[in-house]
């Protein structure tokens, strides 16, 4: 599936709920379903700056696509990272760098996250793009 198809799927999933408590529960459930990050990747270099809670993102690059794994010690943040991984993991660096992540606005995250969580979400997106840029430049070397 393309990044936009995955975003549309997320939007559809969240549109089933009108109450934000239900949407938060969905985020928590998504976070709980996230595979635990191997302890060897819980390093300072994988820790995201700008997040109030602790978030680690690890990236692998094989056969032209980037695969992400991540973990957080906060339930809602873990759900946010699960959404980002669902949409962006398994795509080429170019696709990740060119993606317009419209699902964040469309499901109402920007309006319903605290300023610190919004900043953390932006920091996670930025780090994912940094990984993609690094892998893209490696591929062109």
N, C-alpha and C. Protein backbone atom coordinates (compact mmCIF):
# COMPACT_ATOMS: atom_id res chain seq x y z
N UNK A 1 0.83 -1.19 0.00
CA UNK A 1 0.00 0.00 0.00
C UNK A 1 0.87 1.25 0.00
N UNK A 2 0.36 2.29 -0.61
CA UNK A 2 1.10 3.56 -0.60
C UNK A 2 0.93 4.25 0.75
N UNK A 3 1.76 5.24 0.99
CA UNK A 3 1.65 6.01 2.23
C UNK A 3 0.28 6.68 2.31
N UNK A 4 -0.21 7.22 1.20
CA UNK A 4 -1.52 7.88 1.24
C UNK A 4 -2.65 6.88 1.48
N UNK A 5 -2.56 5.68 0.93
CA UNK A 5 -3.57 4.66 1.19
C UNK A 5 -3.57 4.28 2.67
N UNK A 6 -2.39 4.18 3.25
CA UNK A 6 -2.29 3.86 4.67
C UNK A 6 -2.85 5.00 5.53
N UNK A 7 -2.57 6.23 5.13
CA UNK A 7 -3.12 7.38 5.86
C UNK A 7 -4.65 7.37 5.79
N UNK A 8 -5.19 7.08 4.61
CA UNK A 8 -6.65 7.04 4.44
C UNK A 8 -7.26 5.95 5.31
N UNK A 9 -6.54 4.84 5.43
CA UNK A 9 -7.00 3.73 6.29
C UNK A 9 -7.06 4.19 7.76
N UNK A 10 -6.04 4.91 8.21
CA UNK A 10 -6.01 5.43 9.58
C UNK A 10 -7.16 6.42 9.80
N UNK A 11 -7.37 7.31 8.83
CA UNK A 11 -8.45 8.29 8.93
C UNK A 11 -9.79 7.57 9.05
N UNK A 12 -9.98 6.56 8.23
CA UNK A 12 -11.22 5.77 8.26
C UNK A 12 -11.42 5.12 9.63
N UNK A 13 -10.36 4.55 10.15
CA UNK A 13 -10.42 3.88 11.45
C UNK A 13 -10.81 4.86 12.56
N UNK A 14 -10.24 6.05 12.53
CA UNK A 14 -10.54 7.05 13.56
C UNK A 14 -11.92 7.69 13.35
N UNK A 15 -12.41 7.68 12.11
CA UNK A 15 -13.71 8.30 11.84
C UNK A 15 -14.86 7.49 12.44
N UNK A 16 -14.58 6.25 12.82
CA UNK A 16 -15.60 5.42 13.46
C UNK A 16 -15.97 5.96 14.85
N UNK A 17 -15.12 6.83 15.40
CA UNK A 17 -15.34 7.35 16.75
C UNK A 17 -15.57 8.85 16.70
N UNK A 18 -16.54 9.32 17.45
CA UNK A 18 -16.78 10.76 17.53
C UNK A 18 -16.27 11.31 18.86
N UNK A 19 -16.23 10.48 19.87
CA UNK A 19 -15.79 10.89 21.21
C UNK A 19 -14.27 10.76 21.29
N UNK A 20 -13.61 11.83 21.77
CA UNK A 20 -12.15 11.77 21.84
C UNK A 20 -11.63 10.78 22.88
N UNK A 21 -12.43 10.46 23.87
CA UNK A 21 -12.00 9.43 24.82
C UNK A 21 -11.86 8.09 24.10
N UNK A 22 -12.75 7.81 23.16
CA UNK A 22 -12.66 6.58 22.36
C UNK A 22 -11.44 6.62 21.44
N UNK A 23 -11.15 7.79 20.89
CA UNK A 23 -9.98 7.92 20.02
C UNK A 23 -8.69 7.74 20.82
N UNK A 24 -8.66 8.29 22.03
CA UNK A 24 -7.49 8.07 22.89
C UNK A 24 -7.33 6.59 23.22
N UNK A 25 -8.46 5.92 23.46
CA UNK A 25 -8.40 4.48 23.75
C UNK A 25 -7.86 3.72 22.55
N UNK A 26 -8.27 4.12 21.33
CA UNK A 26 -7.75 3.49 20.12
C UNK A 26 -6.23 3.71 20.03
N UNK A 27 -5.78 4.92 20.33
CA UNK A 27 -4.33 5.19 20.34
C UNK A 27 -3.61 4.28 21.33
N UNK A 28 -4.18 4.15 22.52
CA UNK A 28 -3.57 3.30 23.56
C UNK A 28 -3.53 1.85 23.09
N UNK A 29 -4.62 1.39 22.47
CA UNK A 29 -4.67 0.02 21.95
C UNK A 29 -3.61 -0.20 20.87
N UNK A 30 -3.47 0.77 19.98
CA UNK A 30 -2.45 0.67 18.92
C UNK A 30 -1.06 0.61 19.53
N UNK A 31 -0.84 1.42 20.55
CA UNK A 31 0.45 1.41 21.23
C UNK A 31 0.72 0.08 21.92
N UNK A 32 -0.32 -0.48 22.53
CA UNK A 32 -0.16 -1.78 23.20
C UNK A 32 0.14 -2.89 22.22
N UNK A 33 -0.31 -2.74 20.96
CA UNK A 33 -0.06 -3.76 19.93
C UNK A 33 1.33 -3.63 19.30
N UNK A 34 2.02 -2.53 19.59
CA UNK A 34 3.34 -2.29 19.02
C UNK A 34 4.33 -3.31 19.58
N UNK A 35 5.09 -3.91 18.67
CA UNK A 35 6.12 -4.86 19.10
C UNK A 35 7.13 -4.15 20.00
N UNK A 36 7.51 -4.76 21.12
CA UNK A 36 8.51 -4.12 21.99
C UNK A 36 9.83 -3.93 21.24
N UNK A 37 10.46 -2.83 21.50
CA UNK A 37 11.75 -2.54 20.88
C UNK A 37 12.83 -3.33 21.62
N UNK A 38 13.69 -3.97 20.87
CA UNK A 38 14.80 -4.71 21.45
C UNK A 38 15.62 -3.75 22.32
N UNK A 39 15.98 -4.21 23.51
CA UNK A 39 16.72 -3.37 24.46
C UNK A 39 18.01 -2.80 23.88
N UNK A 40 18.63 -3.53 22.95
CA UNK A 40 19.89 -3.04 22.38
C UNK A 40 19.70 -1.76 21.56
N UNK A 41 18.44 -1.45 21.18
CA UNK A 41 18.16 -0.22 20.43
C UNK A 41 17.69 0.93 21.33
N UNK A 42 17.54 0.66 22.61
CA UNK A 42 17.14 1.72 23.55
C UNK A 42 18.40 2.46 24.00
N UNK A 43 18.97 3.17 23.05
CA UNK A 43 20.22 3.88 23.29
C UNK A 43 19.98 5.38 23.23
N UNK A 44 20.94 6.11 23.71
CA UNK A 44 20.87 7.57 23.69
C UNK A 44 20.73 8.08 22.26
N UNK A 45 21.41 7.43 21.31
CA UNK A 45 21.36 7.90 19.92
C UNK A 45 20.00 7.66 19.27
N UNK A 46 19.22 6.73 19.79
CA UNK A 46 17.88 6.47 19.25
C UNK A 46 16.78 7.21 20.02
N UNK A 47 17.16 7.87 21.09
CA UNK A 47 16.20 8.62 21.91
C UNK A 47 15.85 9.92 21.21
N UNK A 48 14.55 10.23 21.15
CA UNK A 48 14.08 11.42 20.45
C UNK A 48 14.15 12.63 21.36
N UNK A 49 14.84 13.67 20.92
CA UNK A 49 14.86 14.93 21.65
C UNK A 49 13.60 15.70 21.34
N UNK A 50 13.04 16.36 22.33
CA UNK A 50 11.83 17.15 22.11
C UNK A 50 10.58 16.46 22.61
N UNK A 51 10.72 15.23 23.05
CA UNK A 51 9.58 14.51 23.60
C UNK A 51 9.65 14.57 25.12
N UNK A 52 8.51 14.83 25.73
CA UNK A 52 8.45 14.86 27.19
C UNK A 52 8.66 13.45 27.75
N UNK A 53 8.04 12.47 27.10
CA UNK A 53 8.26 11.09 27.52
C UNK A 53 9.45 10.53 26.74
N UNK A 54 9.88 9.35 27.12
CA UNK A 54 11.01 8.74 26.44
C UNK A 54 10.51 7.96 25.22
N UNK A 55 11.09 8.27 24.08
CA UNK A 55 10.73 7.62 22.82
C UNK A 55 12.03 7.25 22.10
N UNK A 56 12.09 5.99 21.71
CA UNK A 56 13.23 5.51 20.92
C UNK A 56 12.72 5.09 19.55
N UNK A 57 13.44 5.49 18.52
CA UNK A 57 13.13 5.05 17.16
C UNK A 57 14.39 4.47 16.55
N UNK A 58 14.25 3.27 16.01
CA UNK A 58 15.35 2.60 15.32
C UNK A 58 14.94 2.38 13.87
N UNK A 59 15.88 2.52 12.95
CA UNK A 59 15.59 2.33 11.53
C UNK A 59 16.57 1.34 10.92
N UNK A 60 16.04 0.48 10.07
CA UNK A 60 16.85 -0.43 9.27
C UNK A 60 16.57 -0.13 7.80
N UNK A 61 17.57 -0.36 6.97
CA UNK A 61 17.44 -0.10 5.53
C UNK A 61 17.87 -1.35 4.78
N UNK A 62 16.92 -2.00 4.12
CA UNK A 62 17.21 -3.21 3.35
C UNK A 62 16.39 -3.17 2.06
N UNK A 63 17.00 -3.59 0.98
CA UNK A 63 16.32 -3.70 -0.31
C UNK A 63 15.58 -2.43 -0.70
N UNK A 64 16.16 -1.28 -0.36
CA UNK A 64 15.61 -0.01 -0.80
C UNK A 64 14.49 0.56 0.05
N UNK A 65 14.10 -0.14 1.12
CA UNK A 65 13.04 0.39 1.98
C UNK A 65 13.52 0.52 3.42
N UNK A 66 12.90 1.47 4.12
CA UNK A 66 13.24 1.74 5.51
C UNK A 66 12.18 1.08 6.40
N UNK A 67 12.65 0.34 7.38
CA UNK A 67 11.76 -0.29 8.35
C UNK A 67 12.07 0.29 9.72
N UNK A 68 11.03 0.77 10.37
CA UNK A 68 11.20 1.40 11.68
C UNK A 68 10.67 0.50 12.78
N UNK A 69 11.31 0.61 13.92
CA UNK A 69 10.79 0.02 15.15
C UNK A 69 10.94 1.09 16.22
N UNK A 70 10.06 1.06 17.20
CA UNK A 70 10.07 2.14 18.18
C UNK A 70 9.37 1.70 19.46
N UNK A 71 9.58 2.51 20.49
CA UNK A 71 8.91 2.27 21.76
C UNK A 71 8.88 3.57 22.55
N UNK A 72 7.90 3.67 23.42
CA UNK A 72 7.80 4.81 24.33
C UNK A 72 7.34 4.30 25.68
N UNK A 73 7.65 5.08 26.71
CA UNK A 73 7.21 4.71 28.05
C UNK A 73 5.87 5.36 28.41
N UNK A 74 5.25 6.07 27.44
CA UNK A 74 3.95 6.70 27.67
C UNK A 74 2.93 6.08 26.72
N UNK A 75 1.75 5.74 27.24
CA UNK A 75 0.76 5.00 26.46
C UNK A 75 0.29 5.73 25.20
N UNK A 76 -0.12 6.97 25.33
CA UNK A 76 -0.64 7.69 24.16
C UNK A 76 0.48 7.96 23.15
N UNK A 77 1.65 8.28 23.65
CA UNK A 77 2.79 8.53 22.76
C UNK A 77 3.15 7.24 22.02
N UNK A 78 3.06 6.12 22.70
CA UNK A 78 3.33 4.83 22.06
C UNK A 78 2.32 4.60 20.93
N UNK A 79 1.08 5.02 21.13
CA UNK A 79 0.07 4.93 20.08
C UNK A 79 0.38 5.84 18.90
N UNK A 80 0.87 7.05 19.20
CA UNK A 80 1.24 7.98 18.14
C UNK A 80 2.37 7.41 17.28
N UNK A 81 3.36 6.85 17.94
CA UNK A 81 4.48 6.28 17.18
C UNK A 81 4.03 5.05 16.40
N UNK A 82 3.09 4.28 16.97
CA UNK A 82 2.54 3.13 16.23
C UNK A 82 1.87 3.59 14.94
N UNK A 83 1.15 4.71 15.00
CA UNK A 83 0.52 5.26 13.78
C UNK A 83 1.56 5.68 12.76
N UNK A 84 2.59 6.39 13.22
CA UNK A 84 3.64 6.83 12.30
C UNK A 84 4.33 5.64 11.64
N UNK A 85 4.62 4.61 12.42
CA UNK A 85 5.28 3.43 11.87
C UNK A 85 4.38 2.72 10.88
N UNK A 86 3.09 2.64 11.21
CA UNK A 86 2.14 1.98 10.32
C UNK A 86 2.10 2.66 8.96
N UNK A 87 2.16 4.00 8.96
CA UNK A 87 2.06 4.76 7.72
C UNK A 87 3.40 4.82 6.96
N UNK A 88 4.52 4.92 7.67
CA UNK A 88 5.79 5.21 7.02
C UNK A 88 6.75 4.03 6.89
N UNK A 89 6.66 3.06 7.77
CA UNK A 89 7.61 1.94 7.73
C UNK A 89 7.35 1.08 6.49
N UNK A 90 8.45 0.62 5.89
CA UNK A 90 8.32 -0.25 4.72
C UNK A 90 8.27 0.49 3.40
N UNK A 91 8.65 1.77 3.42
CA UNK A 91 8.65 2.57 2.20
C UNK A 91 10.06 3.05 1.89
N UNK A 92 10.25 3.54 0.69
CA UNK A 92 11.57 4.03 0.28
C UNK A 92 11.85 5.36 0.98
N UNK A 93 13.13 5.70 1.10
CA UNK A 93 13.46 7.01 1.68
C UNK A 93 12.78 8.16 0.93
N UNK A 94 12.72 8.07 -0.39
CA UNK A 94 12.09 9.12 -1.19
C UNK A 94 10.61 9.26 -0.84
N UNK A 95 9.92 8.13 -0.74
CA UNK A 95 8.49 8.18 -0.40
C UNK A 95 8.27 8.82 0.97
N UNK A 96 9.11 8.47 1.91
CA UNK A 96 8.99 9.02 3.27
C UNK A 96 9.24 10.52 3.24
N UNK A 97 10.28 10.95 2.52
CA UNK A 97 10.63 12.37 2.48
C UNK A 97 9.58 13.20 1.75
N UNK A 98 8.92 12.60 0.76
CA UNK A 98 7.93 13.33 -0.02
C UNK A 98 6.53 13.27 0.58
N UNK A 99 6.33 12.46 1.60
CA UNK A 99 4.99 12.24 2.15
C UNK A 99 4.45 13.50 2.83
N UNK A 100 3.21 13.79 2.50
CA UNK A 100 2.46 14.84 3.20
C UNK A 100 1.62 14.10 4.24
N UNK A 101 1.99 14.22 5.49
CA UNK A 101 1.31 13.47 6.54
C UNK A 101 0.01 14.16 6.96
N UNK A 102 -0.95 14.13 6.07
CA UNK A 102 -2.23 14.80 6.29
C UNK A 102 -3.11 14.10 7.32
N UNK A 103 -2.85 12.85 7.60
CA UNK A 103 -3.70 12.12 8.54
C UNK A 103 -3.66 12.73 9.94
N UNK A 104 -2.54 13.36 10.29
CA UNK A 104 -2.40 13.96 11.62
C UNK A 104 -3.46 15.03 11.84
N UNK A 105 -3.66 15.88 10.83
CA UNK A 105 -4.71 16.91 10.91
C UNK A 105 -6.10 16.30 10.79
N UNK A 106 -6.27 15.39 9.84
CA UNK A 106 -7.61 14.88 9.54
C UNK A 106 -8.23 14.08 10.67
N UNK A 107 -7.41 13.41 11.48
CA UNK A 107 -8.01 12.68 12.60
C UNK A 107 -8.10 13.55 13.85
N UNK A 108 -7.62 14.80 13.74
CA UNK A 108 -7.79 15.76 14.82
C UNK A 108 -6.70 15.75 15.88
N UNK A 109 -5.59 15.11 15.58
CA UNK A 109 -4.53 15.02 16.59
C UNK A 109 -4.00 16.39 17.00
N UNK A 110 -3.81 17.26 16.03
CA UNK A 110 -3.24 18.58 16.35
C UNK A 110 -4.13 19.34 17.33
N UNK A 111 -5.44 19.16 17.21
CA UNK A 111 -6.38 19.88 18.08
C UNK A 111 -6.54 19.24 19.45
N UNK A 112 -6.20 17.97 19.57
CA UNK A 112 -6.49 17.25 20.82
C UNK A 112 -5.26 16.78 21.59
N UNK A 113 -4.09 17.15 21.11
CA UNK A 113 -2.88 16.81 21.85
C UNK A 113 -2.40 18.03 22.63
N UNK A 114 -1.83 17.78 23.77
CA UNK A 114 -1.25 18.88 24.54
C UNK A 114 -0.07 19.45 23.73
N UNK A 115 0.32 20.69 24.00
CA UNK A 115 1.45 21.28 23.27
C UNK A 115 2.72 20.43 23.36
N UNK A 116 2.97 19.83 24.52
CA UNK A 116 4.19 19.02 24.64
C UNK A 116 4.09 17.75 23.80
N UNK A 117 2.89 17.13 23.75
CA UNK A 117 2.73 15.94 22.90
C UNK A 117 2.81 16.31 21.43
N UNK A 118 2.24 17.47 21.05
CA UNK A 118 2.34 17.92 19.66
C UNK A 118 3.79 18.13 19.26
N UNK A 119 4.56 18.76 20.15
CA UNK A 119 5.99 18.96 19.89
C UNK A 119 6.71 17.62 19.77
N UNK A 120 6.34 16.67 20.62
CA UNK A 120 6.94 15.34 20.57
C UNK A 120 6.61 14.63 19.27
N UNK A 121 5.36 14.77 18.81
CA UNK A 121 4.95 14.16 17.55
C UNK A 121 5.77 14.75 16.40
N UNK A 122 5.93 16.06 16.39
CA UNK A 122 6.75 16.70 15.36
C UNK A 122 8.20 16.22 15.43
N UNK A 123 8.72 16.04 16.64
CA UNK A 123 10.09 15.55 16.80
C UNK A 123 10.23 14.12 16.27
N UNK A 124 9.20 13.29 16.47
CA UNK A 124 9.24 11.92 15.95
C UNK A 124 9.22 11.92 14.43
N UNK A 125 8.34 12.74 13.83
CA UNK A 125 8.28 12.85 12.37
C UNK A 125 9.62 13.34 11.82
N UNK A 126 10.19 14.34 12.48
CA UNK A 126 11.47 14.89 12.04
C UNK A 126 12.56 13.82 12.07
N UNK A 127 12.61 13.02 13.14
CA UNK A 127 13.63 11.98 13.24
C UNK A 127 13.45 10.91 12.17
N UNK A 128 12.21 10.54 11.90
CA UNK A 128 11.94 9.56 10.84
C UNK A 128 12.44 10.10 9.50
N UNK A 129 12.20 11.37 9.26
CA UNK A 129 12.67 11.99 8.00
C UNK A 129 14.20 12.08 7.96
N UNK A 130 14.82 12.32 9.11
CA UNK A 130 16.29 12.35 9.17
C UNK A 130 16.86 10.98 8.79
N UNK A 131 16.27 9.92 9.34
CA UNK A 131 16.71 8.57 8.96
C UNK A 131 16.54 8.36 7.45
N UNK A 132 15.38 8.75 6.92
CA UNK A 132 15.12 8.56 5.49
C UNK A 132 16.13 9.34 4.64
N UNK A 133 16.44 10.56 5.06
CA UNK A 133 17.41 11.37 4.33
C UNK A 133 18.80 10.73 4.36
N UNK A 134 19.17 10.20 5.52
CA UNK A 134 20.48 9.54 5.65
C UNK A 134 20.54 8.32 4.74
N UNK A 135 19.47 7.52 4.72
CA UNK A 135 19.46 6.33 3.86
C UNK A 135 19.42 6.70 2.39
N UNK A 136 18.72 7.76 2.06
CA UNK A 136 18.67 8.22 0.67
C UNK A 136 20.07 8.63 0.21
N UNK A 137 20.78 9.37 1.05
CA UNK A 137 22.12 9.81 0.66
C UNK A 137 23.09 8.64 0.58
N UNK A 138 22.88 7.60 1.40
CA UNK A 138 23.72 6.39 1.31
C UNK A 138 23.47 5.68 -0.01
N UNK A 139 22.21 5.65 -0.42
CA UNK A 139 21.86 4.97 -1.67
C UNK A 139 22.40 5.69 -2.90
N UNK A 140 22.61 6.99 -2.77
CA UNK A 140 23.12 7.77 -3.89
C UNK A 140 24.64 7.93 -3.86
N UNK A 141 25.26 7.34 -2.87
CA UNK A 141 26.72 7.51 -2.71
C UNK A 141 27.48 6.69 -3.72
